Amino acid sequence: MLHPSYTDLMKVVNSEVEPGEAPVVNSRYSIVMATSKRARQIISGEDPLIDTRQTKPLSIAIEELNQSKIKITHED
């Protein structure tokens, strides 16, 4: 099971959205794509943005997203 949950992660990502604006993410797919992209960056040698005991790149990426260290943006 994923901790934090997808719902919790979507709340964190959308927390800076003003009322009436479209949410940044509205599906689990967006969360999966963002965390997998960040995990690949960590595997490629980028340093984690958080201090953690986690060693798995995906776990680190999820925690970075949960702590708002990384942002999801729309690509236009």
PDB file of N, CA and C in Angstrom:
ATOM      1  N   MET A   1       0.839  -1.179   0.000  1.00  0.00           N
ATOM      2  CA  MET A   1       0.000   0.000   0.000  1.00  0.00           C
ATOM      3  C   MET A   1       0.884   1.241   0.000  1.00  0.00           C
ATOM      4  N   LEU A   2       0.468   2.235  -0.713  1.00  0.00           N
ATOM      5  CA  LEU A   2       1.217   3.474  -0.832  1.00  0.00           C
ATOM      6  C   LEU A   2       0.920   4.392   0.340  1.00  0.00           C
ATOM      7  N   HIS A   3       1.969   4.837   1.013  1.00  0.00           N
ATOM      8  CA  HIS A   3       1.827   5.824   2.086  1.00  0.00           C
ATOM      9  C   HIS A   3       2.721   6.979   1.744  1.00  0.00           C
ATOM     10  N   PRO A   4       2.253   8.144   1.597  1.00  0.00           N
ATOM     11  CA  PRO A   4       0.871   8.597   1.691  1.00  0.00           C
ATOM     12  C   PRO A   4       0.039   8.100   0.510  1.00  0.00           C
ATOM     13  N   SER A   5      -1.254   8.173   0.653  1.00  0.00           N
ATOM     14  CA  SER A   5      -2.154   7.684  -0.394  1.00  0.00           C
ATOM     15  C   SER A   5      -2.163   8.649  -1.579  1.00  0.00           C
ATOM     16  N   TYR A   6      -2.672   8.172  -2.707  1.00  0.00           N
ATOM     17  CA  TYR A   6      -2.804   9.031  -3.890  1.00  0.00           C
ATOM     18  C   TYR A   6      -3.655  10.260  -3.576  1.00  0.00           C
ATOM     19  N   THR A   7      -4.702  10.060  -2.804  1.00  0.00           N
ATOM     20  CA  THR A   7      -5.581  11.174  -2.440  1.00  0.00           C
ATOM     21  C   THR A   7      -4.815  12.227  -1.648  1.00  0.00           C
ATOM     22  N   ASP A   8      -4.014  11.779  -0.701  1.00  0.00           N
ATOM     23  CA  ASP A   8      -3.214  12.716   0.094  1.00  0.00           C
ATOM     24  C   ASP A   8      -2.213  13.463  -0.785  1.00  0.00           C
ATOM     25  N   LEU A   9      -1.571  12.755  -1.705  1.00  0.00           N
ATOM     26  CA  LEU A   9      -0.610  13.398  -2.600  1.00  0.00           C
ATOM     27  C   LEU A   9      -1.287  14.416  -3.510  1.00  0.00           C
ATOM     28  N   MET A  10      -2.491  14.093  -3.997  1.00  0.00           N
ATOM     29  CA  MET A  10      -3.212  15.042  -4.848  1.00  0.00           C
ATOM     30  C   MET A  10      -3.581  16.293  -4.054  1.00  0.00           C
ATOM     31  N   LYS A  11      -3.920  16.143  -2.780  1.00  0.00           N
ATOM     32  CA  LYS A  11      -4.226  17.302  -1.937  1.00  0.00           C
ATOM     33  C   LYS A  11      -2.995  18.187  -1.771  1.00  0.00           C
ATOM     34  N   VAL A  12      -1.835  17.576  -1.566  1.00  0.00           N
ATOM     35  CA  VAL A  12      -0.594  18.338  -1.413  1.00  0.00           C
ATOM     36  C   VAL A  12      -0.283  19.105  -2.693  1.00  0.00           C
ATOM     37  N   VAL A  13      -0.371  18.430  -3.825  1.00  0.00           N
ATOM     38  CA  VAL A  13      -0.048  19.052  -5.113  1.00  0.00           C
ATOM     39  C   VAL A  13      -1.016  20.190  -5.421  1.00  0.00           C
ATOM     40  N   ASN A  14      -2.284  20.002  -5.109  1.00  0.00           N
ATOM     41  CA  ASN A  14      -3.302  21.005  -5.421  1.00  0.00           C
ATOM     42  C   ASN A  14      -3.496  22.036  -4.302  1.00  0.00           C
ATOM     43  N   SER A  15      -2.681  21.994  -3.266  1.00  0.00           N
ATOM     44  CA  SER A  15      -2.888  22.878  -2.120  1.00  0.00           C
ATOM     45  C   SER A  15      -2.678  24.358  -2.446  1.00  0.00           C
ATOM     46  N   GLU A  16      -1.878  24.664  -3.441  1.00  0.00           N
ATOM     47  CA  GLU A  16      -1.608  26.069  -3.777  1.00  0.00           C
ATOM     48  C   GLU A  16      -2.552  26.621  -4.841  1.00  0.00           C
ATOM     49  N   VAL A  17      -3.517  25.829  -5.271  1.00  0.00           N
ATOM     50  CA  VAL A  17      -4.462  26.263  -6.293  1.00  0.00           C
ATOM     51  C   VAL A  17      -5.517  27.157  -5.641  1.00  0.00           C
ATOM     52  N   GLU A  18      -5.747  28.301  -6.261  1.00  0.00           N
ATOM     53  CA  GLU A  18      -6.755  29.234  -5.756  1.00  0.00           C
ATOM     54  C   GLU A  18      -8.154  28.670  -5.997  1.00  0.00           C
ATOM     55  N   PRO A  19      -9.112  28.992  -5.136  1.00  0.00           N
ATOM     56  CA  PRO A  19     -10.485  28.537  -5.356  1.00  0.00           C
ATOM     57  C   PRO A  19     -11.003  29.008  -6.725  1.00  0.00           C
ATOM     58  N   GLY A  20     -11.620  28.120  -7.448  1.00  0.00           N
ATOM     59  CA  GLY A  20     -12.154  28.431  -8.766  1.00  0.00           C
ATOM     60  C   GLY A  20     -11.216  28.083  -9.898  1.00  0.00           C
ATOM     61  N   GLU A  21      -9.917  27.890  -9.605  1.00  0.00           N
ATOM     62  CA  GLU A  21      -8.966  27.499 -10.633  1.00  0.00           C
ATOM     63  C   GLU A  21      -8.998  25.985 -10.809  1.00  0.00           C
ATOM     64  N   ALA A  22      -8.557  25.554 -11.973  1.00  0.00           N
ATOM     65  CA  ALA A  22      -8.485  24.116 -12.244  1.00  0.00           C
ATOM     66  C   ALA A  22      -7.362  23.505 -11.409  1.00  0.00           C
ATOM     67  N   PRO A  23      -7.576  22.309 -10.868  1.00  0.00           N
ATOM     68  CA  PRO A  23      -6.514  21.665 -10.094  1.00  0.00           C
ATOM     69  C   PRO A  23      -5.328  21.305 -10.977  1.00  0.00           C
ATOM     70  N   VAL A  24      -4.153  21.248 -10.371  1.00  0.00           N
ATOM     71  CA  VAL A  24      -2.944  20.883 -11.105  1.00  0.00           C
ATOM     72  C   VAL A  24      -3.049  19.437 -11.571  1.00  0.00           C
ATOM     73  N   VAL A  25      -3.469  18.564 -10.680  1.00  0.00           N
ATOM     74  CA  VAL A  25      -3.681  17.156 -11.029  1.00  0.00           C
ATOM     75  C   VAL A  25      -5.076  16.745 -10.602  1.00  0.00           C
ATOM     76  N   ASN A  26      -5.663  15.852 -11.366  1.00  0.00           N
ATOM     77  CA  ASN A  26      -6.970  15.316 -10.988  1.00  0.00           C
ATOM     78  C   ASN A  26      -7.045  13.821 -11.213  1.00  0.00           C
ATOM     79  N   SER A  27      -5.873  13.191 -11.372  1.00  0.00           N
ATOM     80  CA  SER A  27      -5.861  11.740 -11.551  1.00  0.00           C
ATOM     81  C   SER A  27      -4.596  11.142 -10.943  1.00  0.00           C
ATOM     82  N   ARG A  28      -4.685   9.887 -10.618  1.00  0.00           N
ATOM     83  CA  ARG A  28      -3.523   9.172 -10.086  1.00  0.00           C
ATOM     84  C   ARG A  28      -2.427   9.057 -11.137  1.00  0.00           C
ATOM     85  N   TYR A  29      -2.815   9.035 -12.392  1.00  0.00           N
ATOM     86  CA  TYR A  29      -1.855   8.923 -13.485  1.00  0.00           C
ATOM     87  C   TYR A  29      -0.828  10.052 -13.417  1.00  0.00           C
ATOM     88  N   SER A  30      -1.267  11.263 -13.142  1.00  0.00           N
ATOM     89  CA  SER A  30      -0.356  12.408 -13.046  1.00  0.00           C
ATOM     90  C   SER A  30       0.650  12.224 -11.907  1.00  0.00           C
ATOM     91  N   ILE A  31       0.193  11.696 -10.798  1.00  0.00           N
ATOM     92  CA  ILE A  31       1.072  11.431  -9.656  1.00  0.00           C
ATOM     93  C   ILE A  31       2.103  10.370 -10.029  1.00  0.00           C
ATOM     94  N   VAL A  32       1.648   9.313 -10.672  1.00  0.00           N
ATOM     95  CA  VAL A  32       2.545   8.219 -11.069  1.00  0.00           C
ATOM     96  C   VAL A  32       3.599   8.728 -12.052  1.00  0.00           C
ATOM     97  N   MET A  33       3.181   9.509 -13.027  1.00  0.00           N
ATOM     98  CA  MET A  33       4.121  10.020 -14.031  1.00  0.00           C
ATOM     99  C   MET A  33       5.153  10.953 -13.392  1.00  0.00           C
ATOM    100  N   ALA A  34       4.711  11.824 -12.511  1.00  0.00           N
ATOM    101  CA  ALA A  34       5.629  12.772 -11.872  1.00  0.00           C
ATOM    102  C   ALA A  34       6.645  12.062 -10.975  1.00  0.00           C
ATOM    103  N   THR A  35       6.176  11.131 -10.164  1.00  0.00           N
ATOM    104  CA  THR A  35       7.098  10.449  -9.254  1.00  0.00           C
ATOM    105  C   THR A  35       8.037   9.521 -10.010  1.00  0.00           C
ATOM    106  N   SER A  36       7.571   8.893 -11.075  1.00  0.00           N
ATOM    107  CA  SER A  36       8.457   8.018 -11.843  1.00  0.00           C
ATOM    108  C   SER A  36       9.524   8.831 -12.574  1.00  0.00           C
ATOM    109  N   LYS A  37       9.148  10.012 -13.068  1.00  0.00           N
ATOM    110  CA  LYS A  37      10.130  10.883 -13.724  1.00  0.00           C
ATOM    111  C   LYS A  37      11.197  11.324 -12.727  1.00  0.00           C
ATOM    112  N   ARG A  38      10.760  11.708 -11.528  1.00  0.00           N
ATOM    113  CA  ARG A  38      11.718  12.132 -10.502  1.00  0.00           C
ATOM    114  C   ARG A  38      12.590  10.960 -10.058  1.00  0.00           C
ATOM    115  N   ALA A  39      12.027   9.770  -9.945  1.00  0.00           N
ATOM    116  CA  ALA A  39      12.806   8.586  -9.564  1.00  0.00           C
ATOM    117  C   ALA A  39      13.890   8.309 -10.602  1.00  0.00           C
ATOM    118  N   ARG A  40      13.567   8.472 -11.885  1.00  0.00           N
ATOM    119  CA  ARG A  40      14.574   8.278 -12.934  1.00  0.00           C
ATOM    120  C   ARG A  40      15.695   9.314 -12.820  1.00  0.00           C
ATOM    121  N   GLN A  41      15.351  10.533 -12.415  1.00  0.00           N
ATOM    122  CA  GLN A  41      16.374  11.559 -12.218  1.00  0.00           C
ATOM    123  C   GLN A  41      17.307  11.173 -11.070  1.00  0.00           C
ATOM    124  N   ILE A  42      16.740  10.637 -10.000  1.00  0.00           N
ATOM    125  CA  ILE A  42      17.548  10.208  -8.857  1.00  0.00           C
ATOM    126  C   ILE A  42      18.443   9.048  -9.261  1.00  0.00           C
ATOM    127  N   ILE A  43      17.915   8.102 -10.024  1.00  0.00           N
ATOM    128  CA  ILE A  43      18.709   6.974 -10.507  1.00  0.00           C
ATOM    129  C   ILE A  43      19.867   7.464 -11.377  1.00  0.00           C
ATOM    130  N   SER A  44      19.617   8.541 -12.138  1.00  0.00           N
ATOM    131  CA  SER A  44      20.643   9.095 -13.022  1.00  0.00           C
ATOM    132  C   SER A  44      21.736   9.840 -12.266  1.00  0.00           C
ATOM    133  N   GLY A  45      21.555  10.048 -10.975  1.00  0.00           N
ATOM    134  CA  GLY A  45      22.604  10.667 -10.187  1.00  0.00           C
ATOM    135  C   GLY A  45      22.247  11.967  -9.502  1.00  0.00           C
ATOM    136  N   GLU A  46      21.039  12.489  -9.712  1.00  0.00           N
ATOM    137  CA  GLU A  46      20.650  13.715  -9.011  1.00  0.00           C
ATOM    138  C   GLU A  46      20.482  13.427  -7.523  1.00  0.00           C
ATOM    139  N   ASP A  47      20.858  14.402  -6.718  1.00  0.00           N
ATOM    140  CA  ASP A  47      20.753  14.239  -5.271  1.00  0.00           C
ATOM    141  C   ASP A  47      19.310  14.381  -4.815  1.00  0.00           C
ATOM    142  N   PRO A  48      18.899  13.578  -3.834  1.00  0.00           N
ATOM    143  CA  PRO A  48      17.565  13.738  -3.253  1.00  0.00           C
ATOM    144  C   PRO A  48      17.436  15.114  -2.607  1.00  0.00           C
ATOM    145  N   LEU A  49      16.241  15.666  -2.610  1.00  0.00           N
ATOM    146  CA  LEU A  49      15.977  16.978  -2.037  1.00  0.00           C
ATOM    147  C   LEU A  49      15.598  16.908  -0.565  1.00  0.00           C
ATOM    148  N   ILE A  50      15.561  15.702  -0.021  1.00  0.00           N
ATOM    149  CA  ILE A  50      15.191  15.504   1.382  1.00  0.00           C
ATOM    150  C   ILE A  50      16.204  14.581   2.046  1.00  0.00           C
ATOM    151  N   ASP A  51      16.294  14.667   3.364  1.00  0.00           N
ATOM    152  CA  ASP A  51      17.079  13.711   4.134  1.00  0.00           C
ATOM    153  C   ASP A  51      16.148  12.572   4.505  1.00  0.00           C
ATOM    154  N   THR A  52      16.537  11.371   4.135  1.00  0.00           N
ATOM    155  CA  THR A  52      15.667  10.225   4.392  1.00  0.00           C
ATOM    156  C   THR A  52      16.491   8.969   4.564  1.00  0.00           C
ATOM    157  N   ARG A  53      15.900   7.989   5.214  1.00  0.00           N
ATOM    158  CA  ARG A  53      16.536   6.683   5.336  1.00  0.00           C
ATOM    159  C   ARG A  53      16.177   5.796   4.149  1.00  0.00           C
ATOM    160  N   GLN A  54      15.242   6.264   3.342  1.00  0.00           N
ATOM    161  CA  GLN A  54      14.807   5.494   2.177  1.00  0.00           C
ATOM    162  C   GLN A  54      15.970   5.335   1.205  1.00  0.00           C
ATOM    163  N   THR A  55      16.028   4.184   0.568  1.00  0.00           N
ATOM    164  CA  THR A  55      17.074   3.958  -0.434  1.00  0.00           C
ATOM    165  C   THR A  55      16.491   3.763  -1.819  1.00  0.00           C
ATOM    166  N   LYS A  56      15.203   3.498  -1.884  1.00  0.00           N
ATOM    167  CA  LYS A  56      14.575   3.277  -3.182  1.00  0.00           C
ATOM    168  C   LYS A  56      14.218   4.619  -3.813  1.00  0.00           C
ATOM    169  N   PRO A  57      14.636   4.823  -5.061  1.00  0.00           N
ATOM    170  CA  PRO A  57      14.385   6.107  -5.725  1.00  0.00           C
ATOM    171  C   PRO A  57      12.910   6.503  -5.780  1.00  0.00           C
ATOM    172  N   LEU A  58      12.009   5.557  -6.013  1.00  0.00           N
ATOM    173  CA  LEU A  58      10.594   5.888  -6.074  1.00  0.00           C
ATOM    174  C   LEU A  58      10.072   6.330  -4.710  1.00  0.00           C
ATOM    175  N   SER A  59      10.498   5.683  -3.653  1.00  0.00           N
ATOM    176  CA  SER A  59      10.088   6.085  -2.305  1.00  0.00           C
ATOM    177  C   SER A  59      10.581   7.487  -1.979  1.00  0.00           C
ATOM    178  N   ILE A  60      11.792   7.795  -2.398  1.00  0.00           N
ATOM    179  CA  ILE A  60      12.336   9.138  -2.187  1.00  0.00           C
ATOM    180  C   ILE A  60      11.517  10.156  -2.963  1.00  0.00           C
ATOM    181  N   ALA A  61      11.194   9.849  -4.220  1.00  0.00           N
ATOM    182  CA  ALA A  61      10.415  10.767  -5.058  1.00  0.00           C
ATOM    183  C   ALA A  61       9.029  11.021  -4.469  1.00  0.00           C
ATOM    184  N   ILE A  62       8.402   9.990  -3.958  1.00  0.00           N
ATOM    185  CA  ILE A  62       7.072  10.143  -3.346  1.00  0.00           C
ATOM    186  C   ILE A  62       7.163  11.040  -2.116  1.00  0.00           C
ATOM    187  N   GLU A  63       8.177  10.839  -1.297  1.00  0.00           N
ATOM    188  CA  GLU A  63       8.328  11.663  -0.103  1.00  0.00           C
ATOM    189  C   GLU A  63       8.662  13.106  -0.469  1.00  0.00           C
ATOM    190  N   GLU A  64       9.453  13.316  -1.515  1.00  0.00           N
ATOM    191  CA  GLU A  64       9.734  14.675  -1.981  1.00  0.00           C
ATOM    192  C   GLU A  64       8.444  15.373  -2.409  1.00  0.00           C
ATOM    193  N   LEU A  65       7.599  14.660  -3.117  1.00  0.00           N
ATOM    194  CA  LEU A  65       6.321  15.233  -3.544  1.00  0.00           C
ATOM    195  C   LEU A  65       5.438  15.528  -2.337  1.00  0.00           C
ATOM    196  N   ASN A  66       5.412  14.621  -1.389  1.00  0.00           N
ATOM    197  CA  ASN A  66       4.590  14.797  -0.195  1.00  0.00           C
ATOM    198  C   ASN A  66       5.048  15.995   0.638  1.00  0.00           C
ATOM    199  N   GLN A  67       6.350  16.274   0.637  1.00  0.00           N
ATOM    200  CA  GLN A  67       6.889  17.405   1.387  1.00  0.00           C
ATOM    201  C   GLN A  67       6.949  18.686   0.553  1.00  0.00           C
ATOM    202  N   SER A  68       6.361  18.651  -0.636  1.00  0.00           N
ATOM    203  CA  SER A  68       6.321  19.807  -1.545  1.00  0.00           C
ATOM    204  C   SER A  68       7.706  20.282  -1.967  1.00  0.00           C
ATOM    205  N   LYS A  69       8.653  19.366  -2.048  1.00  0.00           N
ATOM    206  CA  LYS A  69       9.994  19.710  -2.521  1.00  0.00           C
ATOM    207  C   LYS A  69      10.055  19.709  -4.047  1.00  0.00           C
ATOM    208  N   ILE A  70       9.119  19.006  -4.681  1.00  0.00           N
ATOM    209  CA  ILE A  70       9.005  19.023  -6.134  1.00  0.00           C
ATOM    210  C   ILE A  70       7.589  19.443  -6.491  1.00  0.00           C
ATOM    211  N   LYS A  71       7.436  20.038  -7.640  1.00  0.00           N
ATOM    212  CA  LYS A  71       6.141  20.533  -8.092  1.00  0.00           C
ATOM    213  C   LYS A  71       5.769  19.860  -9.409  1.00  0.00           C
ATOM    214  N   ILE A  72       4.498  19.682  -9.615  1.00  0.00           N
ATOM    215  CA  ILE A  72       3.985  19.173 -10.886  1.00  0.00           C
ATOM    216  C   ILE A  72       3.427  20.369 -11.646  1.00  0.00           C
ATOM    217  N   THR A  73       3.870  20.537 -12.866  1.00  0.00           N
ATOM    218  CA  THR A  73       3.384  21.642 -13.691  1.00  0.00           C
ATOM    219  C   THR A  73       2.800  21.085 -14.983  1.00  0.00           C
ATOM    220  N   HIS A  74       1.936  21.858 -15.605  1.00  0.00           N
ATOM    221  CA  HIS A  74       1.373  21.484 -16.889  1.00  0.00           C
ATOM    222  C   HIS A  74       2.357  21.837 -17.975  1.00  0.00           C
ATOM    223  N   GLU A  75       2.535  20.956 -18.937  1.00  0.00           N
ATOM    224  CA  GLU A  75       3.355  21.267 -20.098  1.00  0.00           C
ATOM    225  C   GLU A  75       2.437  21.717 -21.202  1.00  0.00           C
ATOM    226  N   ASP A  76       2.661  22.918 -21.699  1.00  0.00           N
ATOM    227  CA  ASP A  76       1.824  23.462 -22.776  1.00  0.00           C
ATOM    228  C   ASP A  76       2.502  23.303 -24.108  1.00  0.00           C
TER     229      ASP A  76
END
